[in-house]
Amino acid sequence: MENLIPANEFCASHNIGISFIRSLQENELIEVTTIEETVYIHSDQLQELERIVRLYYEMDINLEGIETISHLLQRISQMQDEITALRNRLRLYETNDY
């Protein structure tokens, strides 16, 4: 349980309702763990969750928009990883030519 943060503590510190966390879970934007009726957030999702909170509350982007943004950011990250892998392969061929 050391990597789990009680959702009610996160909500209290960000002035949001627990229903928002449940909505994010229902829309598969975050994963939560429930232990003895207490909802916990995985610590590795905190950065993503804080980004979502900013998009929703500060920029007034609805959950559908956040889903789209999250999907696009994941695709960009995958493409950046693919570009890095391709560059590494290209370097391998370039060094073998000399």
Protein backbone atom coordinates (compact mmCIF):
# COMPACT_ATOMS: atom_id res chain seq x y z
CA MET A 1 0.00 0.00 0.00
CA GLU A 2 3.02 2.28 0.02
CA ASN A 3 2.43 3.21 -3.65
CA LEU A 4 -1.23 4.03 -3.07
CA ILE A 5 -2.61 7.45 -2.17
CA PRO A 6 -6.11 7.70 -0.69
CA ALA A 7 -8.29 9.40 -3.30
CA ASN A 8 -10.08 11.45 -0.66
CA GLU A 9 -6.73 13.02 0.38
CA PHE A 10 -5.91 13.88 -3.24
CA CYS A 11 -9.39 15.34 -3.70
CA ALA A 12 -9.15 17.39 -0.52
CA SER A 13 -5.78 18.84 -1.50
CA HIS A 14 -7.07 19.78 -4.98
CA ASN A 15 -10.56 20.88 -3.91
CA ILE A 16 -12.33 18.36 -6.13
CA GLY A 17 -15.00 15.77 -5.45
CA ILE A 18 -14.41 12.03 -5.29
CA SER A 19 -17.08 11.73 -8.00
CA PHE A 20 -14.58 13.27 -10.43
CA ILE A 21 -12.10 10.44 -9.69
CA ARG A 22 -14.88 7.89 -10.22
CA SER A 23 -15.78 9.53 -13.56
CA LEU A 24 -12.15 9.33 -14.67
CA GLN A 25 -12.07 5.65 -13.73
CA GLU A 26 -15.33 4.97 -15.58
CA ASN A 27 -13.89 6.66 -18.67
CA GLU A 28 -10.71 4.58 -18.25
CA LEU A 29 -8.52 7.65 -17.91
CA ILE A 30 -7.04 6.43 -14.62
CA GLU A 31 -6.97 3.21 -12.65
CA VAL A 32 -7.86 3.10 -8.99
CA THR A 33 -7.78 0.41 -6.36
CA THR A 34 -10.52 -0.03 -3.79
CA ILE A 35 -9.59 -1.61 -0.47
CA GLU A 36 -12.22 -1.90 2.24
CA GLU A 37 -14.42 0.73 0.56
CA THR A 38 -11.55 3.24 0.34
CA VAL A 39 -10.52 4.35 -3.14
CA TYR A 40 -6.77 4.65 -3.75
CA ILE A 41 -4.83 6.23 -6.59
CA HIS A 42 -1.60 4.62 -7.76
CA SER A 43 1.33 6.97 -7.16
CA ASP A 44 2.63 6.44 -10.70
CA GLN A 45 -0.60 8.03 -12.00
CA LEU A 46 -0.34 11.23 -9.95
CA GLN A 47 1.33 13.27 -12.67
CA GLU A 48 -1.29 12.21 -15.23
CA LEU A 49 -4.11 12.83 -12.76
CA GLU A 50 -2.86 16.32 -11.95
CA ARG A 51 -2.65 17.09 -15.67
CA ILE A 52 -6.24 15.90 -16.12
CA VAL A 53 -7.41 18.03 -13.17
CA ARG A 54 -5.79 21.11 -14.74
CA LEU A 55 -7.36 20.40 -18.13
CA TYR A 56 -10.80 19.88 -16.62
CA TYR A 57 -10.95 22.60 -13.98
CA GLU A 58 -8.59 25.28 -15.25
CA MET A 59 -9.10 24.95 -19.00
CA ASP A 60 -12.73 23.79 -18.83
CA ILE A 61 -12.16 20.78 -21.11
CA ASN A 62 -14.81 18.07 -20.78
CA LEU A 63 -14.00 14.37 -20.22
CA GLU A 64 -14.45 13.51 -23.90
CA GLY A 65 -11.91 16.18 -24.81
CA ILE A 66 -9.53 14.92 -22.14
CA GLU A 67 -9.88 11.38 -23.53
CA THR A 68 -8.97 12.66 -26.99
CA ILE A 69 -6.02 14.68 -25.68
CA SER A 70 -4.75 11.70 -23.65
CA HIS A 71 -5.03 9.39 -26.66
CA LEU A 72 -3.15 11.85 -28.88
CA LEU A 73 -0.40 12.33 -26.27
CA GLN A 74 0.01 8.55 -25.99
CA ARG A 75 0.31 8.28 -29.78
CA ILE A 76 2.90 11.08 -29.84
CA SER A 77 4.90 9.31 -27.15
CA GLN A 78 4.75 6.03 -29.07
CA MET A 79 5.85 7.76 -32.26
CA GLN A 80 8.74 9.47 -30.45
CA ASP A 81 9.86 6.08 -29.13
CA GLU A 82 9.63 4.65 -32.63
CA ILE A 83 11.66 7.55 -34.06
CA THR A 84 14.34 7.02 -31.41
CA ALA A 85 14.51 3.31 -32.20
CA LEU A 86 14.75 4.02 -35.94
CA ARG A 87 17.50 6.60 -35.40
CA ASN A 88 19.44 4.08 -33.34
CA ARG A 89 19.09 1.48 -36.09
CA LEU A 90 20.17 4.04 -38.68
CA ARG A 91 23.26 4.89 -36.63
CA LEU A 92 24.13 1.21 -36.54
CA TYR A 93 24.08 1.04 -40.35
CA GLU A 94 25.93 4.34 -40.71
CA THR A 95 28.78 3.18 -38.46
CA ASN A 96 29.08 -0.10 -40.35
CA ASP A 97 29.56 1.72 -43.66
CA TYR A 98 32.81 3.38 -42.60
